[in-house]
Amino acid sequence: MYRSKKEIIFANEVRKHFGLFETNPKRVFGTPDLYFKECKLAVFFNGCFWHSHHCQTKQLSDVWKEKLSKIADNDRNVIQQLAKEDVASLTIWECNWDQNSQREMGRLFDYQNLLLNYIIRLRNKTSKSSSAIVE
């Protein structure tokens, strides 16, 4: 799988702060750029041109519009399918990373913590309800 230089820099930066994650796991639908198994979080680092981010204002030929439209449709389908599988997703846009990588790292940190706290609360509820066994 091809990874851009910026994707590699992003992954290295995330590894410094977050530790373990998988890169491009084929077993996860859509093959996200990063996957945090413990909180079921798929992270996509999207190039603005290829994934039709709103920051792109270039006039394109009909052929390119069609190609990029198919990619954008696929992106939406991947996120919908992941949600059906109870996998959260987060998209980091290349332009946002370029403008303020620390802010984007903060978004990832906040989202991951939110998911981990949710999972912990669910496990606590489950263990409390199952521990109410009468002897």
N, C-alpha and C. Protein backbone atom coordinates (compact mmCIF):
# COMPACT_ATOMS: atom_id res chain seq x y z
N MET A 1 0.84 -1.18 0.00
CA MET A 1 0.00 0.00 0.00
C MET A 1 0.89 1.24 0.00
N TYR A 2 0.56 2.18 -0.85
CA TYR A 2 1.32 3.42 -0.95
C TYR A 2 0.99 4.35 0.22
N ARG A 3 2.02 4.91 0.82
CA ARG A 3 1.83 5.91 1.88
C ARG A 3 2.66 7.13 1.52
N SER A 4 2.03 8.29 1.55
CA SER A 4 2.73 9.52 1.22
C SER A 4 3.71 9.88 2.34
N LYS A 5 4.62 10.76 2.02
CA LYS A 5 5.59 11.22 3.02
C LYS A 5 4.87 11.85 4.21
N LYS A 6 3.82 12.62 3.94
CA LYS A 6 3.05 13.26 5.02
C LYS A 6 2.34 12.22 5.89
N GLU A 7 1.84 11.16 5.28
CA GLU A 7 1.19 10.09 6.05
C GLU A 7 2.19 9.42 6.99
N ILE A 8 3.39 9.22 6.50
CA ILE A 8 4.44 8.60 7.32
C ILE A 8 4.82 9.52 8.48
N ILE A 9 4.97 10.80 8.20
CA ILE A 9 5.28 11.77 9.26
C ILE A 9 4.14 11.80 10.28
N PHE A 10 2.92 11.81 9.80
CA PHE A 10 1.75 11.78 10.69
C PHE A 10 1.78 10.55 11.59
N ALA A 11 1.98 9.38 10.99
CA ALA A 11 2.00 8.13 11.76
C ALA A 11 3.12 8.14 12.79
N ASN A 12 4.28 8.63 12.42
CA ASN A 12 5.40 8.70 13.37
C ASN A 12 5.10 9.64 14.53
N GLU A 13 4.47 10.74 14.23
CA GLU A 13 4.09 11.70 15.28
C GLU A 13 3.05 11.10 16.22
N VAL A 14 2.09 10.41 15.65
CA VAL A 14 1.06 9.77 16.48
C VAL A 14 1.70 8.69 17.35
N ARG A 15 2.63 7.93 16.80
CA ARG A 15 3.30 6.86 17.56
C ARG A 15 4.05 7.44 18.76
N LYS A 16 4.66 8.59 18.60
CA LYS A 16 5.38 9.23 19.72
C LYS A 16 4.46 9.50 20.89
N HIS A 17 3.23 9.91 20.60
CA HIS A 17 2.31 10.35 21.64
C HIS A 17 1.32 9.27 22.09
N PHE A 18 1.01 8.33 21.22
CA PHE A 18 -0.06 7.38 21.52
C PHE A 18 0.41 5.93 21.64
N GLY A 19 1.61 5.66 21.22
CA GLY A 19 2.09 4.29 21.34
C GLY A 19 1.54 3.38 20.26
N LEU A 20 0.94 2.29 20.68
CA LEU A 20 0.58 1.22 19.76
C LEU A 20 -0.69 1.49 18.95
N PHE A 21 -0.59 1.22 17.68
CA PHE A 21 -1.72 1.21 16.76
C PHE A 21 -1.28 0.42 15.55
N GLU A 22 -2.20 0.05 14.73
CA GLU A 22 -1.90 -0.68 13.51
C GLU A 22 -1.94 0.29 12.33
N THR A 23 -1.09 0.04 11.35
CA THR A 23 -1.14 0.85 10.13
C THR A 23 -1.70 0.01 9.00
N ASN A 24 -2.67 0.57 8.32
CA ASN A 24 -3.30 -0.04 7.15
C ASN A 24 -3.70 -1.50 7.36
N PRO A 25 -4.45 -1.79 8.43
CA PRO A 25 -4.86 -3.19 8.65
C PRO A 25 -5.92 -3.62 7.63
N LYS A 26 -5.60 -4.64 6.89
CA LYS A 26 -6.51 -5.10 5.83
C LYS A 26 -7.77 -5.74 6.41
N ARG A 27 -7.73 -6.23 7.65
CA ARG A 27 -8.89 -6.87 8.26
C ARG A 27 -9.96 -5.86 8.68
N VAL A 28 -9.60 -4.57 8.74
CA VAL A 28 -10.56 -3.52 9.09
C VAL A 28 -11.10 -2.94 7.79
N PHE A 29 -12.41 -2.88 7.68
CA PHE A 29 -13.04 -2.40 6.45
C PHE A 29 -12.50 -1.01 6.07
N GLY A 30 -12.16 -0.84 4.82
CA GLY A 30 -11.68 0.44 4.33
C GLY A 30 -10.18 0.64 4.50
N THR A 31 -9.50 -0.29 5.15
CA THR A 31 -8.06 -0.23 5.39
C THR A 31 -7.64 1.18 5.85
N PRO A 32 -8.02 1.56 7.07
CA PRO A 32 -7.66 2.90 7.54
C PRO A 32 -6.15 3.08 7.64
N ASP A 33 -5.72 4.33 7.66
CA ASP A 33 -4.29 4.62 7.78
C ASP A 33 -3.77 4.17 9.14
N LEU A 34 -4.56 4.42 10.19
CA LEU A 34 -4.22 4.00 11.55
C LEU A 34 -5.44 3.35 12.16
N TYR A 35 -5.20 2.37 13.02
CA TYR A 35 -6.32 1.73 13.72
C TYR A 35 -5.92 1.46 15.16
N PHE A 36 -6.74 1.99 16.08
CA PHE A 36 -6.55 1.77 17.51
C PHE A 36 -7.53 0.69 17.94
N LYS A 37 -7.01 -0.52 18.12
CA LYS A 37 -7.86 -1.68 18.40
C LYS A 37 -8.60 -1.54 19.73
N GLU A 38 -7.92 -1.00 20.77
CA GLU A 38 -8.53 -0.96 22.10
C GLU A 38 -9.78 -0.11 22.17
N CYS A 39 -9.90 0.87 21.29
CA CYS A 39 -11.11 1.70 21.30
C CYS A 39 -11.85 1.67 19.96
N LYS A 40 -11.44 0.76 19.08
CA LYS A 40 -12.08 0.59 17.78
C LYS A 40 -12.20 1.94 17.04
N LEU A 41 -11.05 2.57 16.86
CA LEU A 41 -10.98 3.86 16.17
C LEU A 41 -10.15 3.73 14.91
N ALA A 42 -10.77 4.03 13.77
CA ALA A 42 -10.09 4.06 12.48
C ALA A 42 -9.78 5.52 12.15
N VAL A 43 -8.53 5.79 11.82
CA VAL A 43 -8.11 7.15 11.48
C VAL A 43 -7.67 7.18 10.02
N PHE A 44 -8.22 8.15 9.31
CA PHE A 44 -7.87 8.34 7.91
C PHE A 44 -7.14 9.67 7.76
N PHE A 45 -5.95 9.64 7.19
CA PHE A 45 -5.21 10.86 6.87
C PHE A 45 -5.43 11.10 5.39
N ASN A 46 -6.33 12.05 5.08
CA ASN A 46 -6.76 12.25 3.70
C ASN A 46 -6.06 13.43 3.04
N GLY A 47 -5.52 13.15 1.85
CA GLY A 47 -5.01 14.22 1.01
C GLY A 47 -6.18 15.01 0.46
N CYS A 48 -6.07 16.31 0.49
CA CYS A 48 -7.20 17.17 0.13
C CYS A 48 -7.62 17.03 -1.33
N PHE A 49 -6.67 16.90 -2.23
CA PHE A 49 -7.02 16.78 -3.64
C PHE A 49 -7.74 15.46 -3.90
N TRP A 50 -7.13 14.35 -3.50
CA TRP A 50 -7.66 13.03 -3.82
C TRP A 50 -8.99 12.73 -3.15
N HIS A 51 -9.23 13.35 -2.00
CA HIS A 51 -10.47 13.06 -1.27
C HIS A 51 -11.46 14.23 -1.30
N SER A 52 -11.24 15.16 -2.22
CA SER A 52 -12.18 16.26 -2.53
C SER A 52 -12.54 17.10 -1.31
N HIS A 53 -11.53 17.53 -0.56
CA HIS A 53 -11.79 18.42 0.57
C HIS A 53 -12.23 19.79 0.07
N HIS A 54 -13.03 20.47 0.86
CA HIS A 54 -13.58 21.76 0.43
C HIS A 54 -12.51 22.83 0.21
N CYS A 55 -11.29 22.61 0.69
CA CYS A 55 -10.23 23.61 0.48
C CYS A 55 -9.74 23.63 -0.97
N GLN A 56 -10.10 22.61 -1.72
CA GLN A 56 -9.68 22.52 -3.12
C GLN A 56 -10.64 23.29 -4.01
N THR A 57 -10.12 24.30 -4.68
CA THR A 57 -10.98 25.16 -5.51
C THR A 57 -10.59 25.14 -6.99
N LYS A 58 -9.69 24.25 -7.35
CA LYS A 58 -9.24 24.18 -8.74
C LYS A 58 -10.36 23.72 -9.66
N GLN A 59 -10.38 24.27 -10.86
CA GLN A 59 -11.31 23.81 -11.89
C GLN A 59 -10.76 22.53 -12.49
N LEU A 60 -11.58 21.50 -12.54
CA LEU A 60 -11.14 20.21 -13.03
C LEU A 60 -11.94 19.80 -14.26
N SER A 61 -11.32 18.95 -15.06
CA SER A 61 -12.04 18.40 -16.22
C SER A 61 -13.10 17.42 -15.72
N ASP A 62 -14.04 17.10 -16.58
CA ASP A 62 -15.12 16.17 -16.22
C ASP A 62 -14.57 14.80 -15.82
N VAL A 63 -13.49 14.38 -16.49
CA VAL A 63 -12.88 13.09 -16.17
C VAL A 63 -12.38 13.09 -14.73
N TRP A 64 -11.68 14.15 -14.33
CA TRP A 64 -11.16 14.24 -12.97
C TRP A 64 -12.29 14.38 -11.96
N LYS A 65 -13.30 15.15 -12.31
CA LYS A 65 -14.44 15.30 -11.41
C LYS A 65 -15.07 13.95 -11.13
N GLU A 66 -15.23 13.13 -12.17
CA GLU A 66 -15.83 11.81 -12.00
C GLU A 66 -14.95 10.91 -11.14
N LYS A 67 -13.64 10.91 -11.40
CA LYS A 67 -12.71 10.08 -10.61
C LYS A 67 -12.77 10.46 -9.13
N LEU A 68 -12.68 11.75 -8.86
CA LEU A 68 -12.64 12.22 -7.47
C LEU A 68 -13.99 12.04 -6.80
N SER A 69 -15.06 12.13 -7.56
CA SER A 69 -16.39 11.90 -7.01
C SER A 69 -16.54 10.45 -6.55
N LYS A 70 -16.00 9.51 -7.31
CA LYS A 70 -16.04 8.10 -6.93
C LYS A 70 -15.25 7.86 -5.65
N ILE A 71 -14.11 8.52 -5.51
CA ILE A 71 -13.31 8.38 -4.28
C ILE A 71 -14.09 8.93 -3.09
N ALA A 72 -14.71 10.10 -3.25
CA ALA A 72 -15.49 10.71 -2.17
C ALA A 72 -16.67 9.82 -1.79
N ASP A 73 -17.34 9.23 -2.78
CA ASP A 73 -18.45 8.31 -2.51
C ASP A 73 -17.94 7.10 -1.72
N ASN A 74 -16.81 6.57 -2.13
CA ASN A 74 -16.22 5.43 -1.43
C ASN A 74 -15.89 5.81 0.02
N ASP A 75 -15.32 6.99 0.23
CA ASP A 75 -15.01 7.45 1.59
C ASP A 75 -16.26 7.45 2.46
N ARG A 76 -17.36 7.98 1.95
CA ARG A 76 -18.62 7.99 2.71
C ARG A 76 -19.11 6.58 3.01
N ASN A 77 -19.02 5.70 2.01
CA ASN A 77 -19.46 4.31 2.20
C ASN A 77 -18.62 3.60 3.26
N VAL A 78 -17.32 3.85 3.24
CA VAL A 78 -16.42 3.23 4.23
C VAL A 78 -16.80 3.66 5.64
N ILE A 79 -17.01 4.95 5.83
CA ILE A 79 -17.36 5.46 7.17
C ILE A 79 -18.70 4.89 7.63
N GLN A 80 -19.66 4.80 6.72
CA GLN A 80 -20.97 4.23 7.07
C GLN A 80 -20.84 2.75 7.45
N GLN A 81 -20.04 2.00 6.70
CA GLN A 81 -19.87 0.57 6.99
C GLN A 81 -19.13 0.39 8.33
N LEU A 82 -18.13 1.20 8.58
CA LEU A 82 -17.42 1.11 9.86
C LEU A 82 -18.38 1.38 11.01
N ALA A 83 -19.23 2.37 10.86
CA ALA A 83 -20.20 2.69 11.91
C ALA A 83 -21.12 1.49 12.16
N LYS A 84 -21.53 0.80 11.11
CA LYS A 84 -22.37 -0.39 11.27
C LYS A 84 -21.63 -1.48 12.05
N GLU A 85 -20.31 -1.49 11.94
CA GLU A 85 -19.48 -2.47 12.64
C GLU A 85 -19.01 -1.95 14.01
N ASP A 86 -19.60 -0.84 14.45
CA ASP A 86 -19.24 -0.22 15.73
C ASP A 86 -17.78 0.21 15.80
N VAL A 87 -17.28 0.67 14.68
CA VAL A 87 -15.93 1.23 14.63
C VAL A 87 -16.08 2.73 14.37
N ALA A 88 -15.51 3.52 15.27
CA ALA A 88 -15.53 4.98 15.10
C ALA A 88 -14.48 5.37 14.07
N SER A 89 -14.70 6.49 13.42
CA SER A 89 -13.72 6.95 12.44
C SER A 89 -13.45 8.43 12.64
N LEU A 90 -12.23 8.80 12.32
CA LEU A 90 -11.79 10.19 12.41
C LEU A 90 -10.98 10.49 11.17
N THR A 91 -11.29 11.59 10.51
CA THR A 91 -10.53 12.00 9.33
C THR A 91 -9.67 13.20 9.69
N ILE A 92 -8.39 13.07 9.39
CA ILE A 92 -7.44 14.18 9.52
C ILE A 92 -7.14 14.64 8.10
N TRP A 93 -7.47 15.90 7.82
CA TRP A 93 -7.23 16.44 6.48
C TRP A 93 -5.82 17.01 6.39
N GLU A 94 -5.20 16.77 5.26
CA GLU A 94 -3.82 17.20 5.02
C GLU A 94 -3.64 18.70 5.26
N CYS A 95 -4.58 19.52 4.79
CA CYS A 95 -4.44 20.97 4.94
C CYS A 95 -4.50 21.38 6.41
N ASN A 96 -5.38 20.72 7.18
CA ASN A 96 -5.48 21.02 8.61
C ASN A 96 -4.20 20.62 9.33
N TRP A 97 -3.65 19.47 8.94
CA TRP A 97 -2.38 19.00 9.53
C TRP A 97 -1.27 20.01 9.21
N ASP A 98 -1.22 20.47 7.96
CA ASP A 98 -0.19 21.44 7.56
C ASP A 98 -0.32 22.75 8.33
N GLN A 99 -1.56 23.17 8.57
CA GLN A 99 -1.78 24.45 9.26
C GLN A 99 -1.50 24.37 10.75
N ASN A 100 -1.87 23.26 11.38
CA ASN A 100 -1.72 23.16 12.83
C ASN A 100 -1.74 21.70 13.27
N SER A 101 -0.59 21.06 13.18
CA SER A 101 -0.52 19.63 13.50
C SER A 101 -0.84 19.36 14.97
N GLN A 102 -0.49 20.29 15.85
CA GLN A 102 -0.77 20.08 17.27
C GLN A 102 -2.28 20.08 17.55
N ARG A 103 -3.01 20.94 16.86
CA ARG A 103 -4.47 20.95 17.01
C ARG A 103 -5.05 19.61 16.56
N GLU A 104 -4.56 19.09 15.45
CA GLU A 104 -5.06 17.82 14.94
C GLU A 104 -4.69 16.66 15.88
N MET A 105 -3.51 16.72 16.47
CA MET A 105 -3.13 15.71 17.47
C MET A 105 -4.07 15.81 18.67
N GLY A 106 -4.44 17.02 19.05
CA GLY A 106 -5.39 17.23 20.15
C GLY A 106 -6.74 16.63 19.83
N ARG A 107 -7.21 16.80 18.59
CA ARG A 107 -8.48 16.20 18.18
C ARG A 107 -8.43 14.69 18.31
N LEU A 108 -7.33 14.09 17.86
CA LEU A 108 -7.17 12.65 17.95
C LEU A 108 -7.14 12.21 19.41
N PHE A 109 -6.40 12.90 20.23
CA PHE A 109 -6.30 12.59 21.66
C PHE A 109 -7.67 12.67 22.32
N ASP A 110 -8.40 13.76 22.06
CA ASP A 110 -9.72 13.94 22.66
C ASP A 110 -10.69 12.84 22.22
N TYR A 111 -10.67 12.51 20.94
CA TYR A 111 -11.59 11.51 20.41
C TYR A 111 -11.27 10.13 20.97
N GLN A 112 -9.99 9.80 21.02
CA GLN A 112 -9.59 8.51 21.56
C GLN A 112 -9.97 8.40 23.04
N ASN A 113 -9.72 9.46 23.81
CA ASN A 113 -10.08 9.44 25.23
C ASN A 113 -11.59 9.31 25.43
N LEU A 114 -12.35 10.00 24.62
CA LEU A 114 -13.81 9.90 24.69
C LEU A 114 -14.26 8.45 24.48
N LEU A 115 -13.71 7.81 23.46
CA LEU A 115 -14.07 6.42 23.17
C LEU A 115 -13.63 5.48 24.28
N LEU A 116 -12.41 5.67 24.78
CA LEU A 116 -11.91 4.80 25.85
C LEU A 116 -12.76 4.94 27.11
N ASN A 117 -13.12 6.17 27.46
CA ASN A 117 -13.97 6.38 28.63
C ASN A 117 -15.34 5.74 28.45
N TYR A 118 -15.89 5.82 27.26
CA TYR A 118 -17.17 5.20 26.96
C TYR A 118 -17.08 3.68 27.12
N ILE A 119 -16.01 3.10 26.60
CA ILE A 119 -15.82 1.65 26.70
C ILE A 119 -15.68 1.23 28.16
N ILE A 120 -14.93 2.00 28.94
CA ILE A 120 -14.75 1.69 30.36
C ILE A 120 -16.09 1.74 31.08
N ARG A 121 -16.90 2.76 30.80
CA ARG A 121 -18.23 2.86 31.44
C ARG A 121 -19.11 1.67 31.06
N LEU A 122 -19.07 1.27 29.79
CA LEU A 122 -19.86 0.11 29.36
C LEU A 122 -19.40 -1.16 30.08
N ARG A 123 -18.11 -1.33 30.18
CA ARG A 123 -17.59 -2.53 30.87
C ARG A 123 -17.98 -2.51 32.34
N ASN A 124 -17.92 -1.35 32.97
CA ASN A 124 -18.31 -1.26 34.38
C ASN A 124 -19.78 -1.58 34.57
N LYS A 125 -20.63 -1.08 33.69
CA LYS A 125 -22.07 -1.38 33.79
C LYS A 125 -22.30 -2.87 33.62
N THR A 126 -21.62 -3.47 32.65
CA THR A 126 -21.78 -4.88 32.38
C THR A 126 -21.29 -5.72 33.56
N SER A 127 -20.14 -5.37 34.11
CA SER A 127 -19.61 -6.16 35.23
C SER A 127 -20.46 -5.99 36.48
N LYS A 128 -21.03 -4.81 36.72
CA LYS A 128 -21.90 -4.59 37.88
C LYS A 128 -23.18 -5.39 37.75
N SER A 129 -23.75 -5.39 36.55
CA SER A 129 -25.01 -6.12 36.38
C SER A 129 -24.80 -7.63 36.44
N SER A 130 -23.65 -8.10 35.96
CA SER A 130 -23.42 -9.54 35.99
C SER A 130 -22.89 -10.00 37.35
N SER A 131 -22.45 -9.06 38.19
CA SER A 131 -21.92 -9.47 39.50
C SER A 131 -23.02 -9.52 40.56
N ALA A 132 -24.24 -9.28 40.17
CA ALA A 132 -25.35 -9.28 41.14
C ALA A 132 -25.94 -10.68 41.26
N ILE A 133 -25.06 -11.63 41.44
CA ILE A 133 -25.51 -13.02 41.59
C ILE A 133 -25.82 -13.28 43.05
N VAL A 134 -26.99 -13.82 43.30
CA VAL A 134 -27.41 -14.11 44.67
C VAL A 134 -26.99 -15.52 45.02
N GLU A 135 -26.36 -15.66 46.19
CA GLU A 135 -25.92 -17.00 46.62
C GLU A 135 -26.86 -17.57 47.62
